[in-house]
Amino acid sequence: MDGRGRWMDNVLIERLWRSVKHEWVLLHEYNTIPELEALLSEWMERYNRWRPHTANGGQTPWQAYRGLLPEPEREEKEQRDIAA
């Protein structure tokens, strides 16, 4: 890095790890590193696949990345397509 805007890059990572720590790691027990890795993998799956984010307009990161509609909008579209 060139030192310019460096704090902006760190903000996103710090927010992510704060969420991981407060929502998952501190609430669950683990005794070994493989257990911790499995715990973090489970949290990342939850975070990306089924947790909607306001920054994505109510979509999960996976839906936003793939360009999929959020569940309520998808159901409405399917119902409109069936009715037409």
PDB file of N, CA and C in Angstrom:
ATOM      1  N   MET A   1       0.840  -1.195   0.000  1.00  0.00           N
ATOM      2  CA  MET A   1       0.000   0.000   0.000  1.00  0.00           C
ATOM      3  C   MET A   1       0.873   1.242   0.000  1.00  0.00           C
ATOM      4  N   ASP A   2       0.323   2.302  -0.497  1.00  0.00           N
ATOM      5  CA  ASP A   2       1.077   3.541  -0.538  1.00  0.00           C
ATOM      6  C   ASP A   2       0.810   4.428   0.669  1.00  0.00           C
ATOM      7  N   GLY A   3      -0.047   3.993   1.589  1.00  0.00           N
ATOM      8  CA  GLY A   3      -0.340   4.783   2.778  1.00  0.00           C
ATOM      9  C   GLY A   3      -1.541   5.694   2.622  1.00  0.00           C
ATOM     10  N   ARG A   4      -2.007   5.858   1.409  1.00  0.00           N
ATOM     11  CA  ARG A   4      -3.173   6.720   1.192  1.00  0.00           C
ATOM     12  C   ARG A   4      -4.436   5.872   1.224  1.00  0.00           C
ATOM     13  N   GLY A   5      -5.400   6.275   2.027  1.00  0.00           N
ATOM     14  CA  GLY A   5      -6.660   5.560   2.127  1.00  0.00           C
ATOM     15  C   GLY A   5      -6.563   4.245   2.872  1.00  0.00           C
ATOM     16  N   ARG A   6      -5.459   4.009   3.532  1.00  0.00           N
ATOM     17  CA  ARG A   6      -5.232   2.740   4.210  1.00  0.00           C
ATOM     18  C   ARG A   6      -6.272   2.488   5.306  1.00  0.00           C
ATOM     19  N   TRP A   7      -6.670   3.515   6.011  1.00  0.00           N
ATOM     20  CA  TRP A   7      -7.646   3.336   7.090  1.00  0.00           C
ATOM     21  C   TRP A   7      -8.988   2.869   6.534  1.00  0.00           C
ATOM     22  N   MET A   8      -9.314   3.284   5.318  1.00  0.00           N
ATOM     23  CA  MET A   8     -10.590   2.873   4.725  1.00  0.00           C
ATOM     24  C   MET A   8     -10.600   1.369   4.444  1.00  0.00           C
ATOM     25  N   ASP A   9      -9.463   0.832   4.036  1.00  0.00           N
ATOM     26  CA  ASP A   9      -9.371  -0.600   3.789  1.00  0.00           C
ATOM     27  C   ASP A   9      -9.520  -1.380   5.088  1.00  0.00           C
ATOM     28  N   ASN A  10      -8.935  -0.889   6.147  1.00  0.00           N
ATOM     29  CA  ASN A  10      -8.978  -1.585   7.430  1.00  0.00           C
ATOM     30  C   ASN A  10     -10.357  -1.549   8.071  1.00  0.00           C
ATOM     31  N   VAL A  11     -11.138  -0.527   7.811  1.00  0.00           N
ATOM     32  CA  VAL A  11     -12.455  -0.400   8.433  1.00  0.00           C
ATOM     33  C   VAL A  11     -13.325  -1.603   8.088  1.00  0.00           C
ATOM     34  N   LEU A  12     -13.336  -2.013   6.840  1.00  0.00           N
ATOM     35  CA  LEU A  12     -14.182  -3.132   6.430  1.00  0.00           C
ATOM     36  C   LEU A  12     -13.761  -4.431   7.109  1.00  0.00           C
ATOM     37  N   ILE A  13     -12.473  -4.683   7.168  1.00  0.00           N
ATOM     38  CA  ILE A  13     -11.975  -5.893   7.812  1.00  0.00           C
ATOM     39  C   ILE A  13     -12.246  -5.863   9.312  1.00  0.00           C
ATOM     40  N   GLU A  14     -12.032  -4.705   9.938  1.00  0.00           N
ATOM     41  CA  GLU A  14     -12.281  -4.596  11.380  1.00  0.00           C
ATOM     42  C   GLU A  14     -13.750  -4.825  11.700  1.00  0.00           C
ATOM     43  N   ARG A  15     -14.649  -4.319  10.872  1.00  0.00           N
ATOM     44  CA  ARG A  15     -16.078  -4.532  11.101  1.00  0.00           C
ATOM     45  C   ARG A  15     -16.442  -5.997  10.965  1.00  0.00           C
ATOM     46  N   LEU A  16     -15.879  -6.654   9.949  1.00  0.00           N
ATOM     47  CA  LEU A  16     -16.152  -8.068   9.751  1.00  0.00           C
ATOM     48  C   LEU A  16     -15.693  -8.882  10.955  1.00  0.00           C
ATOM     49  N   TRP A  17     -14.462  -8.673  11.411  1.00  0.00           N
ATOM     50  CA  TRP A  17     -13.951  -9.455  12.527  1.00  0.00           C
ATOM     51  C   TRP A  17     -14.646  -9.110  13.835  1.00  0.00           C
ATOM     52  N   ARG A  18     -15.101  -7.880  13.984  1.00  0.00           N
ATOM     53  CA  ARG A  18     -15.882  -7.539  15.180  1.00  0.00           C
ATOM     54  C   ARG A  18     -17.189  -8.325  15.179  1.00  0.00           C
ATOM     55  N   SER A  19     -17.831  -8.430  14.015  1.00  0.00           N
ATOM     56  CA  SER A  19     -19.061  -9.212  13.907  1.00  0.00           C
ATOM     57  C   SER A  19     -18.804 -10.676  14.216  1.00  0.00           C
ATOM     58  N   VAL A  20     -17.740 -11.231  13.643  1.00  0.00           N
ATOM     59  CA  VAL A  20     -17.396 -12.633  13.900  1.00  0.00           C
ATOM     60  C   VAL A  20     -17.193 -12.856  15.394  1.00  0.00           C
ATOM     61  N   LYS A  21     -16.429 -12.009  15.999  1.00  0.00           N
ATOM     62  CA  LYS A  21     -16.094 -12.171  17.413  1.00  0.00           C
ATOM     63  C   LYS A  21     -17.329 -12.073  18.305  1.00  0.00           C
ATOM     64  N   HIS A  22     -18.129 -11.048  18.116  1.00  0.00           N
ATOM     65  CA  HIS A  22     -19.254 -10.807  19.015  1.00  0.00           C
ATOM     66  C   HIS A  22     -20.441 -11.720  18.745  1.00  0.00           C
ATOM     67  N   GLU A  23     -20.665 -12.098  17.491  1.00  0.00           N
ATOM     68  CA  GLU A  23     -21.843 -12.892  17.155  1.00  0.00           C
ATOM     69  C   GLU A  23     -21.612 -14.393  17.222  1.00  0.00           C
ATOM     70  N   TRP A  24     -20.363 -14.839  17.193  1.00  0.00           N
ATOM     71  CA  TRP A  24     -20.151 -16.269  17.060  1.00  0.00           C
ATOM     72  C   TRP A  24     -19.058 -16.808  17.978  1.00  0.00           C
ATOM     73  N   VAL A  25     -17.855 -16.264  17.884  1.00  0.00           N
ATOM     74  CA  VAL A  25     -16.714 -16.839  18.602  1.00  0.00           C
ATOM     75  C   VAL A  25     -16.892 -16.743  20.111  1.00  0.00           C
ATOM     76  N   LEU A  26     -17.317 -15.604  20.606  1.00  0.00           N
ATOM     77  CA  LEU A  26     -17.473 -15.453  22.054  1.00  0.00           C
ATOM     78  C   LEU A  26     -18.680 -16.211  22.606  1.00  0.00           C
ATOM     79  N   LEU A  27     -19.600 -16.608  21.731  1.00  0.00           N
ATOM     80  CA  LEU A  27     -20.805 -17.300  22.171  1.00  0.00           C
ATOM     81  C   LEU A  27     -20.686 -18.820  22.107  1.00  0.00           C
ATOM     82  N   HIS A  28     -19.648 -19.316  21.439  1.00  0.00           N
ATOM     83  CA  HIS A  28     -19.479 -20.757  21.279  1.00  0.00           C
ATOM     84  C   HIS A  28     -18.163 -21.209  21.906  1.00  0.00           C
ATOM     85  N   GLU A  29     -18.148 -22.456  22.285  1.00  0.00           N
ATOM     86  CA  GLU A  29     -16.953 -23.010  22.907  1.00  0.00           C
ATOM     87  C   GLU A  29     -16.164 -23.817  21.882  1.00  0.00           C
ATOM     88  N   TYR A  30     -14.877 -23.679  21.911  1.00  0.00           N
ATOM     89  CA  TYR A  30     -13.992 -24.470  21.069  1.00  0.00           C
ATOM     90  C   TYR A  30     -12.733 -24.761  21.872  1.00  0.00           C
ATOM     91  N   ASN A  31     -12.134 -25.937  21.622  1.00  0.00           N
ATOM     92  CA  ASN A  31     -10.962 -26.357  22.379  1.00  0.00           C
ATOM     93  C   ASN A  31      -9.724 -26.532  21.517  1.00  0.00           C
ATOM     94  N   THR A  32      -9.904 -26.690  20.224  1.00  0.00           N
ATOM     95  CA  THR A  32      -8.769 -26.893  19.334  1.00  0.00           C
ATOM     96  C   THR A  32      -8.877 -25.959  18.134  1.00  0.00           C
ATOM     97  N   ILE A  33      -7.776 -25.815  17.429  1.00  0.00           N
ATOM     98  CA  ILE A  33      -7.767 -24.965  16.232  1.00  0.00           C
ATOM     99  C   ILE A  33      -8.709 -25.513  15.151  1.00  0.00           C
ATOM    100  N   PRO A  34      -8.732 -26.830  14.889  1.00  0.00           N
ATOM    101  CA  PRO A  34      -9.702 -27.332  13.903  1.00  0.00           C
ATOM    102  C   PRO A  34     -11.156 -27.033  14.279  1.00  0.00           C
ATOM    103  N   GLU A  35     -11.474 -27.081  15.550  1.00  0.00           N
ATOM    104  CA  GLU A  35     -12.826 -26.715  15.990  1.00  0.00           C
ATOM    105  C   GLU A  35     -13.102 -25.251  15.701  1.00  0.00           C
ATOM    106  N   LEU A  36     -12.132 -24.390  15.961  1.00  0.00           N
ATOM    107  CA  LEU A  36     -12.286 -22.967  15.683  1.00  0.00           C
ATOM    108  C   LEU A  36     -12.442 -22.720  14.188  1.00  0.00           C
ATOM    109  N   GLU A  37     -11.648 -23.426  13.372  1.00  0.00           N
ATOM    110  CA  GLU A  37     -11.768 -23.279  11.919  1.00  0.00           C
ATOM    111  C   GLU A  37     -13.154 -23.697  11.429  1.00  0.00           C
ATOM    112  N   ALA A  38     -13.684 -24.793  11.983  1.00  0.00           N
ATOM    113  CA  ALA A  38     -15.028 -25.240  11.613  1.00  0.00           C
ATOM    114  C   ALA A  38     -16.069 -24.207  12.040  1.00  0.00           C
ATOM    115  N   LEU A  39     -15.878 -23.634  13.219  1.00  0.00           N
ATOM    116  CA  LEU A  39     -16.783 -22.608  13.731  1.00  0.00           C
ATOM    117  C   LEU A  39     -16.790 -21.383  12.811  1.00  0.00           C
ATOM    118  N   LEU A  40     -15.602 -20.943  12.405  1.00  0.00           N
ATOM    119  CA  LEU A  40     -15.505 -19.786  11.518  1.00  0.00           C
ATOM    120  C   LEU A  40     -16.084 -20.092  10.141  1.00  0.00           C
ATOM    121  N   SER A  41     -15.872 -21.296   9.658  1.00  0.00           N
ATOM    122  CA  SER A  41     -16.435 -21.696   8.373  1.00  0.00           C
ATOM    123  C   SER A  41     -17.959 -21.664   8.417  1.00  0.00           C
ATOM    124  N   GLU A  42     -18.524 -22.149   9.515  1.00  0.00           N
ATOM    125  CA  GLU A  42     -19.978 -22.130   9.693  1.00  0.00           C
ATOM    126  C   GLU A  42     -20.504 -20.697   9.733  1.00  0.00           C
ATOM    127  N   TRP A  43     -19.799 -19.805  10.414  1.00  0.00           N
ATOM    128  CA  TRP A  43     -20.233 -18.421  10.497  1.00  0.00           C
ATOM    129  C   TRP A  43     -20.176 -17.748   9.124  1.00  0.00           C
ATOM    130  N   MET A  44     -19.095 -17.995   8.382  1.00  0.00           N
ATOM    131  CA  MET A  44     -18.975 -17.392   7.051  1.00  0.00           C
ATOM    132  C   MET A  44     -20.082 -17.873   6.120  1.00  0.00           C
ATOM    133  N   GLU A  45     -20.404 -19.142   6.214  1.00  0.00           N
ATOM    134  CA  GLU A  45     -21.508 -19.686   5.409  1.00  0.00           C
ATOM    135  C   GLU A  45     -22.816 -18.983   5.776  1.00  0.00           C
ATOM    136  N   ARG A  46     -23.065 -18.856   7.058  1.00  0.00           N
ATOM    137  CA  ARG A  46     -24.278 -18.173   7.543  1.00  0.00           C
ATOM    138  C   ARG A  46     -24.300 -16.718   7.081  1.00  0.00           C
ATOM    139  N   TYR A  47     -23.173 -16.053   7.212  1.00  0.00           N
ATOM    140  CA  TYR A  47     -23.070 -14.636   6.868  1.00  0.00           C
ATOM    141  C   TYR A  47     -23.311 -14.409   5.371  1.00  0.00           C
ATOM    142  N   ASN A  48     -22.751 -15.249   4.541  1.00  0.00           N
ATOM    143  CA  ASN A  48     -22.835 -15.044   3.096  1.00  0.00           C
ATOM    144  C   ASN A  48     -24.087 -15.603   2.454  1.00  0.00           C
ATOM    145  N   ARG A  49     -24.619 -16.686   2.984  1.00  0.00           N
ATOM    146  CA  ARG A  49     -25.716 -17.382   2.301  1.00  0.00           C
ATOM    147  C   ARG A  49     -27.107 -17.005   2.770  1.00  0.00           C
ATOM    148  N   TRP A  50     -27.294 -16.745   4.072  1.00  0.00           N
ATOM    149  CA  TRP A  50     -28.679 -16.505   4.478  1.00  0.00           C
ATOM    150  C   TRP A  50     -28.890 -15.296   5.365  1.00  0.00           C
ATOM    151  N   ARG A  51     -27.875 -14.507   5.602  1.00  0.00           N
ATOM    152  CA  ARG A  51     -28.056 -13.308   6.416  1.00  0.00           C
ATOM    153  C   ARG A  51     -28.206 -12.095   5.496  1.00  0.00           C
ATOM    154  N   PRO A  52     -29.388 -11.496   5.433  1.00  0.00           N
ATOM    155  CA  PRO A  52     -29.567 -10.328   4.563  1.00  0.00           C
ATOM    156  C   PRO A  52     -28.825  -9.107   5.109  1.00  0.00           C
ATOM    157  N   HIS A  53     -28.370  -8.264   4.209  1.00  0.00           N
ATOM    158  CA  HIS A  53     -27.620  -7.074   4.575  1.00  0.00           C
ATOM    159  C   HIS A  53     -28.348  -5.842   4.031  1.00  0.00           C
ATOM    160  N   THR A  54     -28.464  -4.826   4.861  1.00  0.00           N
ATOM    161  CA  THR A  54     -29.134  -3.604   4.414  1.00  0.00           C
ATOM    162  C   THR A  54     -28.359  -2.922   3.295  1.00  0.00           C
ATOM    163  N   ALA A  55     -27.046  -3.053   3.301  1.00  0.00           N
ATOM    164  CA  ALA A  55     -26.237  -2.431   2.249  1.00  0.00           C
ATOM    165  C   ALA A  55     -26.500  -3.071   0.893  1.00  0.00           C
ATOM    166  N   ASN A  56     -27.010  -4.293   0.880  1.00  0.00           N
ATOM    167  CA  ASN A  56     -27.318  -4.984  -0.368  1.00  0.00           C
ATOM    168  C   ASN A  56     -28.805  -4.925  -0.698  1.00  0.00           C
ATOM    169  N   GLY A  57     -29.522  -4.045  -0.062  1.00  0.00           N
ATOM    170  CA  GLY A  57     -30.949  -3.923  -0.329  1.00  0.00           C
ATOM    171  C   GLY A  57     -31.756  -5.115   0.167  1.00  0.00           C
ATOM    172  N   GLY A  58     -31.340  -5.698   1.276  1.00  0.00           N
ATOM    173  CA  GLY A  58     -32.052  -6.842   1.830  1.00  0.00           C
ATOM    174  C   GLY A  58     -31.618  -8.173   1.256  1.00  0.00           C
ATOM    175  N   GLN A  59     -30.627  -8.167   0.392  1.00  0.00           N
ATOM    176  CA  GLN A  59     -30.114  -9.406  -0.174  1.00  0.00           C
ATOM    177  C   GLN A  59     -28.965  -9.934   0.670  1.00  0.00           C
ATOM    178  N   THR A  60     -28.735 -11.232   0.562  1.00  0.00           N
ATOM    179  CA  THR A  60     -27.535 -11.793   1.162  1.00  0.00           C
ATOM    180  C   THR A  60     -26.362 -11.460   0.243  1.00  0.00           C
ATOM    181  N   PRO A  61     -25.136 -11.505   0.735  1.00  0.00           N
ATOM    182  CA  PRO A  61     -23.996 -11.271  -0.157  1.00  0.00           C
ATOM    183  C   PRO A  61     -23.972 -12.241  -1.337  1.00  0.00           C
ATOM    184  N   TRP A  62     -24.372 -13.482  -1.115  1.00  0.00           N
ATOM    185  CA  TRP A  62     -24.398 -14.461  -2.191  1.00  0.00           C
ATOM    186  C   TRP A  62     -25.393 -14.048  -3.272  1.00  0.00           C
ATOM    187  N   GLN A  63     -26.579 -13.596  -2.879  1.00  0.00           N
ATOM    188  CA  GLN A  63     -27.579 -13.160  -3.851  1.00  0.00           C
ATOM    189  C   GLN A  63     -27.088 -11.935  -4.607  1.00  0.00           C
ATOM    190  N   ALA A  64     -26.482 -11.000  -3.904  1.00  0.00           N
ATOM    191  CA  ALA A  64     -25.977  -9.790  -4.562  1.00  0.00           C
ATOM    192  C   ALA A  64     -24.870 -10.139  -5.547  1.00  0.00           C
ATOM    193  N   TYR A  65     -23.989 -11.043  -5.183  1.00  0.00           N
ATOM    194  CA  TYR A  65     -22.886 -11.445  -6.052  1.00  0.00           C
ATOM    195  C   TYR A  65     -23.406 -12.168  -7.288  1.00  0.00           C
ATOM    196  N   ARG A  66     -24.377 -13.026  -7.105  1.00  0.00           N
ATOM    197  CA  ARG A  66     -24.926 -13.811  -8.213  1.00  0.00           C
ATOM    198  C   ARG A  66     -26.004 -13.066  -8.995  1.00  0.00           C
ATOM    199  N   GLY A  67     -26.460 -11.924  -8.481  1.00  0.00           N
ATOM    200  CA  GLY A  67     -27.504 -11.166  -9.167  1.00  0.00           C
ATOM    201  C   GLY A  67     -28.882 -11.774  -9.003  1.00  0.00           C
ATOM    202  N   LEU A  68     -29.097 -12.491  -7.913  1.00  0.00           N
ATOM    203  CA  LEU A  68     -30.382 -13.127  -7.643  1.00  0.00           C
ATOM    204  C   LEU A  68     -31.306 -12.165  -6.921  1.00  0.00           C
ATOM    205  N   LEU A  69     -32.599 -12.383  -7.059  1.00  0.00           N
ATOM    206  CA  LEU A  69     -33.574 -11.573  -6.346  1.00  0.00           C
ATOM    207  C   LEU A  69     -33.701 -12.061  -4.913  1.00  0.00           C
ATOM    208  N   PRO A  70     -33.999 -11.149  -3.966  1.00  0.00           N
ATOM    209  CA  PRO A  70     -34.287 -11.592  -2.598  1.00  0.00           C
ATOM    210  C   PRO A  70     -35.534 -12.475  -2.586  1.00  0.00           C
ATOM    211  N   GLU A  71     -35.690 -13.303  -1.568  1.00  0.00           N
ATOM    212  CA  GLU A  71     -36.784 -14.275  -1.488  1.00  0.00           C
ATOM    213  C   GLU A  71     -38.170 -13.674  -1.729  1.00  0.00           C
ATOM    214  N   PRO A  72     -38.595 -12.603  -1.028  1.00  0.00           N
ATOM    215  CA  PRO A  72     -39.959 -12.084  -1.251  1.00  0.00           C
ATOM    216  C   PRO A  72     -40.166 -11.623  -2.690  1.00  0.00           C
ATOM    217  N   GLU A  73     -39.173 -10.959  -3.265  1.00  0.00           N
ATOM    218  CA  GLU A  73     -39.309 -10.486  -4.634  1.00  0.00           C
ATOM    219  C   GLU A  73     -39.341 -11.648  -5.612  1.00  0.00           C
ATOM    220  N   ARG A  74     -38.556 -12.691  -5.357  1.00  0.00           N
ATOM    221  CA  ARG A  74     -38.538 -13.858  -6.222  1.00  0.00           C
ATOM    222  C   ARG A  74     -39.893 -14.543  -6.198  1.00  0.00           C
ATOM    223  N   GLU A  75     -40.495 -14.677  -4.993  1.00  0.00           N
ATOM    224  CA  GLU A  75     -41.800 -15.316  -4.878  1.00  0.00           C
ATOM    225  C   GLU A  75     -42.864 -14.506  -5.610  1.00  0.00           C
ATOM    226  N   GLU A  76     -42.823 -13.172  -5.476  1.00  0.00           N
ATOM    227  CA  GLU A  76     -43.778 -12.319  -6.168  1.00  0.00           C
ATOM    228  C   GLU A  76     -43.632 -12.462  -7.679  1.00  0.00           C
ATOM    229  N   LYS A  77     -42.397 -12.491  -8.174  1.00  0.00           N
ATOM    230  CA  LYS A  77     -42.155 -12.632  -9.603  1.00  0.00           C
ATOM    231  C   LYS A  77     -42.663 -13.973 -10.106  1.00  0.00           C
ATOM    232  N   GLU A  78     -42.425 -15.049  -9.346  1.00  0.00           N
ATOM    233  CA  GLU A  78     -42.897 -16.371  -9.740  1.00  0.00           C
ATOM    234  C   GLU A  78     -44.419 -16.406  -9.779  1.00  0.00           C
ATOM    235  N   GLN A  79     -45.081 -15.757  -8.825  1.00  0.00           N
ATOM    236  CA  GLN A  79     -46.536 -15.714  -8.801  1.00  0.00           C
ATOM    237  C   GLN A  79     -47.073 -14.920  -9.982  1.00  0.00           C
ATOM    238  N   ARG A  80     -46.410 -13.812 -10.334  1.00  0.00           N
ATOM    239  CA  ARG A  80     -46.827 -13.030 -11.501  1.00  0.00           C
ATOM    240  C   ARG A  80     -46.653 -13.830 -12.777  1.00  0.00           C
ATOM    241  N   ASP A  81     -45.557 -14.570 -12.860  1.00  0.00           N
ATOM    242  CA  ASP A  81     -45.310 -15.394 -14.052  1.00  0.00           C
ATOM    243  C   ASP A  81     -46.341 -16.505 -14.185  1.00  0.00           C
ATOM    244  N   ILE A  82     -46.744 -17.095 -13.057  1.00  0.00           N
ATOM    245  CA  ILE A  82     -47.762 -18.159 -13.080  1.00  0.00           C
ATOM    246  C   ILE A  82     -49.109 -17.582 -13.492  1.00  0.00           C
ATOM    247  N   ALA A  83     -49.444 -16.381 -12.962  1.00  0.00           N
ATOM    248  CA  ALA A  83     -50.739 -15.764 -13.255  1.00  0.00           C
ATOM    249  C   ALA A  83     -50.826 -15.293 -14.703  1.00  0.00           C
ATOM    250  N   ALA A  84     -49.715 -14.988 -15.322  1.00  0.00           N
ATOM    251  CA  ALA A  84     -49.725 -14.452 -16.692  1.00  0.00           C
ATOM    252  C   ALA A  84     -49.867 -15.514 -17.752  1.00  0.00           C
TER     253      ALA A  84
END
